[in-house]
Amino acid sequence: MQTLLCGRFRLALDRPLIMAIVNATPDSFSGDGAGRDLDAALRRAEAAVAEGADILDLGGESSRPGAEPVSEQEELDRVIPLVERLAAGPVPVSVDTVKPAVMRAAIAAGASLINDINAFRAPGAVEAVREADAALCLMHMQGEPRSMQADPHYDDVVAEVAAFLDDRVAVLRAAGIAEERLIIDPGFGFGKTHEHNLALMRATDRFVAGGLPVLIGVSRKSMLGKITGRPVDERVVASAVAALLAVQRGAHIVRVHDVGATHDALAVWRAVEGHGNPR
């Protein structure tokens, strides 16, 4: 059975895992950011675990298209108090950051996973995580959040995203980081058009075939708005369906806003397919 070394946890990957998004930002695209309201973020995290979350993913800097970066200190102030309050809980705490200093502080505070949309390309990022036992998620992004959706272009989006992820995995392995700590994410909506996103979803099994755990994050994203015509706060059903489609194609982890709906969708799928208890 495949497992993921994730700080003090070793996660079994014999069933799909739900990663709950907990935004400690005031400008999340989904409208659910808590900013510096620690109590609101804690309530969101506790509710997510109660609804069936297997991992909590904390973010202190918005990565929505057009987002402006925040200072290192502001991100630390938003995220580290949350990590300190949640790290001893029943599920791993992930921190979504591109900044090496935030990675170091998060790991020191008890984070079990670092989720980097920049695939640990920032100077010092690999060094910041190398000696820890935290899991590491490497995501593909063309460009950077402020401009990534201006004019994304690929000759073959699936091949190019896969090649990028292979290269980054090789860099981390060469730095001495164990493969059992690594996760890959094709990066839906990060420098991709609607057609690029659909092509990547159809090719989920290709990424799975590489042998590393695959994380898929399409929750409430614009691709679902384009398909359904619904605004961001009305994409719960579409998000749960998209998560289920990703899991059916082999995804190991789905990153979602709506934990309860996703959990129920996966529970029905597991029951019908004879996979046993969803927890």
Protein backbone atom coordinates (compact mmCIF):
# COMPACT_ATOMS: atom_id res chain seq x y z
CA MET A 1 0.00 0.00 0.00
CA GLN A 2 1.34 3.42 -0.98
CA THR A 3 1.86 5.86 1.90
CA LEU A 4 2.90 9.49 2.27
CA LEU A 5 5.37 10.63 4.94
CA CYS A 6 3.71 13.77 6.28
CA GLY A 7 5.47 15.05 9.39
CA ARG A 8 4.30 13.04 12.41
CA PHE A 9 1.73 11.31 10.19
CA ARG A 10 2.11 8.52 7.66
CA LEU A 11 -0.93 8.77 5.44
CA ALA A 12 -2.28 5.67 3.74
CA LEU A 13 -3.25 6.34 0.14
CA ASP A 14 -5.53 3.35 -0.30
CA ARG A 15 -8.47 5.78 -0.39
CA PRO A 16 -8.76 9.36 -1.67
CA LEU A 17 -7.92 12.06 0.88
CA ILE A 18 -9.70 15.39 1.25
CA MET A 19 -7.57 18.49 1.77
CA ALA A 20 -9.65 21.35 3.18
CA ILE A 21 -8.84 24.92 2.16
CA VAL A 22 -8.58 27.32 5.09
CA ASN A 23 -7.85 30.82 3.82
CA ALA A 24 -6.28 33.29 6.23
CA THR A 25 -6.50 35.98 3.56
CA PRO A 26 -8.89 38.90 3.03
CA ASP A 27 -8.93 38.51 -0.78
CA SER A 28 -9.59 34.84 -1.54
CA PHE A 29 -11.34 34.33 -4.90
CA SER A 30 -13.86 32.08 -3.17
CA GLY A 31 -14.90 34.77 -0.72
CA ASP A 32 -14.22 32.65 2.38
CA GLY A 33 -10.98 34.20 3.58
CA ALA A 34 -10.67 34.88 7.32
CA GLY A 35 -7.82 37.39 7.11
CA ARG A 36 -6.25 37.78 10.57
CA ASP A 37 -9.42 36.65 12.35
CA LEU A 38 -7.83 33.69 14.13
CA ASP A 39 -11.06 32.51 15.71
CA ALA A 40 -12.91 32.50 12.38
CA ALA A 41 -10.12 30.50 10.74
CA LEU A 42 -10.05 28.04 13.63
CA ARG A 43 -13.81 27.54 13.38
CA ARG A 44 -13.45 26.89 9.66
CA ALA A 45 -10.67 24.36 10.32
CA GLU A 46 -12.59 22.56 13.07
CA ALA A 47 -15.73 22.38 10.93
CA ALA A 48 -13.71 20.94 8.04
CA VAL A 49 -12.31 18.16 10.21
CA ALA A 50 -15.80 17.40 11.53
CA GLU A 51 -17.06 17.16 7.94
CA GLY A 52 -14.37 14.67 6.97
CA ALA A 53 -11.19 16.56 6.05
CA ASP A 54 -8.01 14.49 6.12
CA ILE A 55 -5.63 17.46 5.76
CA LEU A 56 -5.99 21.18 6.52
CA ASP A 57 -4.33 23.51 4.00
CA LEU A 58 -3.68 26.98 5.45
CA GLY A 59 -2.95 29.91 3.15
CA GLY A 60 -1.88 33.43 4.06
CA GLU A 61 -1.32 34.83 0.58
CA SER A 62 -3.90 34.73 -2.18
CA SER A 63 -2.81 33.06 -5.42
CA ARG A 64 -5.94 33.94 -7.39
CA PRO A 65 -5.33 35.41 -10.87
CA GLY A 66 -4.23 39.02 -10.55
CA ALA A 67 -3.38 38.73 -6.85
CA GLU A 68 -0.70 41.00 -5.45
CA PRO A 69 1.97 39.46 -3.22
CA VAL A 70 2.00 40.18 0.51
CA SER A 71 5.02 40.80 2.68
CA GLU A 72 6.79 37.95 4.40
CA GLN A 73 5.87 39.34 7.81
CA GLU A 74 2.20 39.71 6.92
CA GLU A 75 2.03 36.12 5.72
CA LEU A 76 3.77 34.90 8.87
CA ASP A 77 1.35 36.88 11.04
CA ARG A 78 -1.64 35.36 9.26
CA VAL A 79 -0.50 31.73 9.17
CA ILE A 80 1.85 30.82 12.01
CA PRO A 81 -0.64 31.38 14.87
CA LEU A 82 -3.03 29.05 13.07
CA VAL A 83 -0.36 26.37 12.64
CA GLU A 84 0.53 26.62 16.32
CA ARG A 85 -3.11 26.13 17.32
CA LEU A 86 -3.84 23.27 14.90
CA ALA A 87 -0.59 21.29 14.63
CA ALA A 88 -1.37 19.00 17.56
CA GLY A 89 -4.78 18.12 16.14
CA PRO A 90 -6.01 14.87 14.59
CA VAL A 91 -5.08 15.66 10.96
CA PRO A 92 -1.94 17.04 9.27
CA VAL A 93 -1.61 20.79 8.81
CA SER A 94 -0.37 22.00 5.43
CA VAL A 95 0.86 25.52 4.70
CA ASP A 96 0.41 26.94 1.20
CA THR A 97 3.37 29.28 0.59
CA VAL A 98 6.12 30.15 -1.87
CA LYS A 99 8.39 31.86 0.68
CA PRO A 100 11.29 29.90 2.21
CA ALA A 101 11.11 31.87 5.48
CA VAL A 102 7.43 30.98 5.85
CA MET A 103 8.23 27.35 5.06
CA ARG A 104 10.85 27.25 7.83
CA ALA A 105 8.59 28.94 10.35
CA ALA A 106 5.64 26.71 9.46
CA ILE A 107 7.68 23.53 9.88
CA ALA A 108 9.08 24.82 13.18
CA ALA A 109 5.51 25.52 14.34
CA GLY A 110 4.43 21.97 13.53
CA ALA A 111 3.26 21.96 9.90
CA SER A 112 3.29 18.50 8.35
CA LEU A 113 3.11 19.53 4.69
CA ILE A 114 4.34 22.45 2.59
CA ASN A 115 2.21 23.15 -0.49
CA ASP A 116 4.19 25.32 -2.95
CA ILE A 117 2.52 26.62 -6.12
CA ASN A 118 6.04 27.55 -7.29
CA ALA A 119 7.37 23.98 -6.91
CA PHE A 120 10.20 25.05 -4.58
CA ARG A 121 11.90 27.19 -7.23
CA ALA A 122 12.47 30.25 -5.01
CA PRO A 123 16.09 30.66 -3.90
CA GLY A 124 16.48 28.81 -0.63
CA ALA A 125 13.19 26.91 -0.84
CA VAL A 126 14.71 23.45 -1.26
CA GLU A 127 17.13 24.15 1.57
CA ALA A 128 14.26 25.33 3.78
CA VAL A 129 12.49 21.97 3.58
CA ARG A 130 15.28 19.49 2.91
CA GLU A 131 16.05 18.40 6.48
CA ALA A 132 12.44 18.21 7.66
CA ASP A 133 10.06 15.27 7.42
CA ALA A 134 7.16 17.35 6.11
CA ALA A 135 5.49 16.25 2.90
CA LEU A 136 6.04 18.54 -0.09
CA CYS A 137 3.54 19.33 -2.83
CA LEU A 138 5.03 20.60 -6.10
CA MET A 139 2.62 22.42 -8.38
CA HIS A 140 2.95 23.56 -11.98
CA MET A 141 2.33 27.22 -12.71
CA GLN A 142 3.06 29.10 -15.93
CA GLY A 143 4.04 32.66 -15.00
CA GLU A 144 3.04 34.12 -11.63
CA PRO A 145 -0.34 34.97 -10.08
CA ARG A 146 -0.45 38.62 -11.15
CA SER A 147 -0.17 37.77 -14.86
CA MET A 148 -0.54 34.01 -15.30
CA GLN A 149 -3.94 34.20 -17.01
CA ALA A 150 -2.97 36.98 -19.45
CA ASP A 151 -2.10 34.66 -22.35
CA PRO A 152 -1.20 31.11 -21.34
CA HIS A 153 0.21 29.03 -24.20
CA TYR A 154 1.41 25.45 -24.62
CA ASP A 155 2.17 23.26 -27.61
CA ASP A 156 1.11 20.21 -25.58
CA VAL A 157 -0.15 21.17 -22.13
CA VAL A 158 -0.15 17.66 -20.69
CA ALA A 159 3.34 16.80 -21.89
CA GLU A 160 4.77 20.15 -20.81
CA VAL A 161 3.21 20.10 -17.35
CA ALA A 162 4.35 16.50 -16.83
CA ALA A 163 7.89 17.34 -17.95
CA PHE A 164 8.05 20.31 -15.60
CA LEU A 165 6.90 18.24 -12.65
CA ASP A 166 9.35 15.46 -13.52
CA ASP A 167 12.19 18.01 -13.59
CA ARG A 168 11.24 19.52 -10.23
CA VAL A 169 10.90 16.10 -8.63
CA ALA A 170 14.38 15.25 -9.93
CA VAL A 171 15.77 18.43 -8.34
CA LEU A 172 14.31 17.56 -4.95
CA ARG A 173 15.48 13.97 -5.17
CA ALA A 174 18.98 15.16 -6.06
CA ALA A 175 18.89 17.32 -2.92
CA GLY A 176 18.37 14.16 -0.87
CA ILE A 177 14.63 14.50 -0.29
CA ALA A 178 12.90 11.14 0.00
CA GLU A 179 10.34 10.26 -2.65
CA GLU A 180 7.89 9.22 0.07
CA ARG A 181 7.54 12.92 0.97
CA LEU A 182 6.57 14.14 -2.51
CA ILE A 183 3.20 15.01 -4.09
CA ILE A 184 2.58 16.52 -7.53
CA ASP A 185 -0.18 18.91 -8.65
CA PRO A 186 -0.83 19.84 -12.34
CA GLY A 187 -1.99 23.31 -11.23
CA PHE A 188 -5.48 23.81 -12.64
CA GLY A 189 -6.10 27.47 -13.43
CA PHE A 190 -2.49 28.53 -12.87
CA GLY A 191 -1.52 29.78 -16.29
CA LYS A 192 -4.05 27.62 -18.15
CA THR A 193 -7.02 28.28 -20.39
CA HIS A 194 -10.31 26.45 -20.01
CA GLU A 195 -9.28 23.95 -22.67
CA HIS A 196 -5.92 23.40 -20.98
CA ASN A 197 -7.71 22.62 -17.72
CA LEU A 198 -10.03 20.13 -19.39
CA ALA A 199 -7.09 18.43 -21.11
CA LEU A 200 -5.28 18.08 -17.79
CA MET A 201 -8.34 16.64 -16.07
CA ARG A 202 -8.76 14.08 -18.84
CA ALA A 203 -5.09 13.15 -18.43
CA THR A 204 -5.10 12.73 -14.64
CA ASP A 205 -4.24 9.06 -15.05
CA ARG A 206 -1.07 10.02 -16.92
CA PHE A 207 0.19 11.94 -13.90
CA VAL A 208 -0.84 9.09 -11.60
CA ALA A 209 1.15 6.66 -13.75
CA GLY A 210 4.35 8.44 -12.70
CA GLY A 211 4.07 6.78 -9.29
CA LEU A 212 3.85 9.81 -7.00
CA PRO A 213 0.67 10.86 -5.20
CA VAL A 214 -1.35 13.32 -7.29
CA LEU A 215 -3.25 16.26 -5.82
CA ILE A 216 -6.05 17.85 -7.84
CA GLY A 217 -7.49 21.25 -6.96
CA VAL A 218 -10.40 22.53 -9.05
CA SER A 219 -12.78 23.53 -6.26
CA ARG A 220 -15.00 26.52 -7.20
CA LYS A 221 -12.56 27.52 -9.96
CA SER A 222 -13.44 29.49 -13.07
CA MET A 223 -13.39 26.37 -15.26
CA LEU A 224 -16.46 25.20 -13.32
CA GLY A 225 -18.06 28.61 -13.71
CA LYS A 226 -17.50 28.44 -17.45
CA ILE A 227 -19.08 24.99 -17.63
CA THR A 228 -22.08 25.72 -15.42
CA GLY A 229 -22.54 29.47 -15.79
CA ARG A 230 -22.74 29.78 -12.00
CA PRO A 231 -20.96 32.34 -9.78
CA VAL A 232 -18.25 31.19 -7.40
CA ASP A 233 -20.56 30.76 -4.40
CA GLU A 234 -22.88 28.45 -6.38
CA ARG A 235 -20.29 25.90 -7.53
CA VAL A 236 -20.56 23.41 -4.68
CA VAL A 237 -22.19 20.67 -6.76
CA ALA A 238 -19.84 21.20 -9.70
CA SER A 239 -16.86 21.14 -7.34
CA ALA A 240 -17.93 17.87 -5.74
CA VAL A 241 -18.50 16.30 -9.16
CA ALA A 242 -15.10 17.49 -10.38
CA ALA A 243 -13.42 16.04 -7.28
CA LEU A 244 -15.15 12.72 -7.89
CA LEU A 245 -14.06 12.69 -11.54
CA ALA A 246 -10.47 13.34 -10.46
CA VAL A 247 -10.62 10.49 -7.95
CA GLN A 248 -12.12 8.15 -10.56
CA ARG A 249 -9.09 8.95 -12.72
CA GLY A 250 -6.72 8.04 -9.90
CA ALA A 251 -6.12 11.26 -7.94
CA HIS A 252 -4.98 10.57 -4.39
CA ILE A 253 -5.83 13.95 -2.81
CA VAL A 254 -8.50 16.51 -3.71
CA ARG A 255 -8.16 20.07 -2.41
CA VAL A 256 -11.59 21.55 -1.73
CA HIS A 257 -13.59 24.33 -0.11
CA ASP A 258 -16.73 22.25 0.44
CA VAL A 259 -15.60 19.31 2.53
CA GLY A 260 -19.01 17.90 3.45
CA ALA A 261 -20.30 17.78 -0.11
CA THR A 262 -17.06 16.23 -1.36
CA HIS A 263 -17.02 13.68 1.45
CA ASP A 264 -20.59 12.62 0.65
CA ALA A 265 -19.89 12.33 -3.08
CA LEU A 266 -16.86 10.12 -2.41
CA ALA A 267 -18.82 8.07 0.15
CA VAL A 268 -21.48 7.24 -2.44
CA TRP A 269 -18.82 6.37 -5.02
CA ARG A 270 -16.97 4.12 -2.59
CA ALA A 271 -20.16 2.33 -1.57
CA VAL A 272 -21.25 1.71 -5.16
CA GLU A 273 -17.79 0.55 -6.19
CA GLY A 274 -17.43 -1.64 -3.10
CA HIS A 275 -14.46 0.26 -1.63
CA GLY A 276 -15.73 0.18 1.96
CA ASN A 277 -15.94 2.94 4.56
CA PRO A 278 -15.08 6.44 3.21
CA ARG A 279 -13.17 7.28 6.41
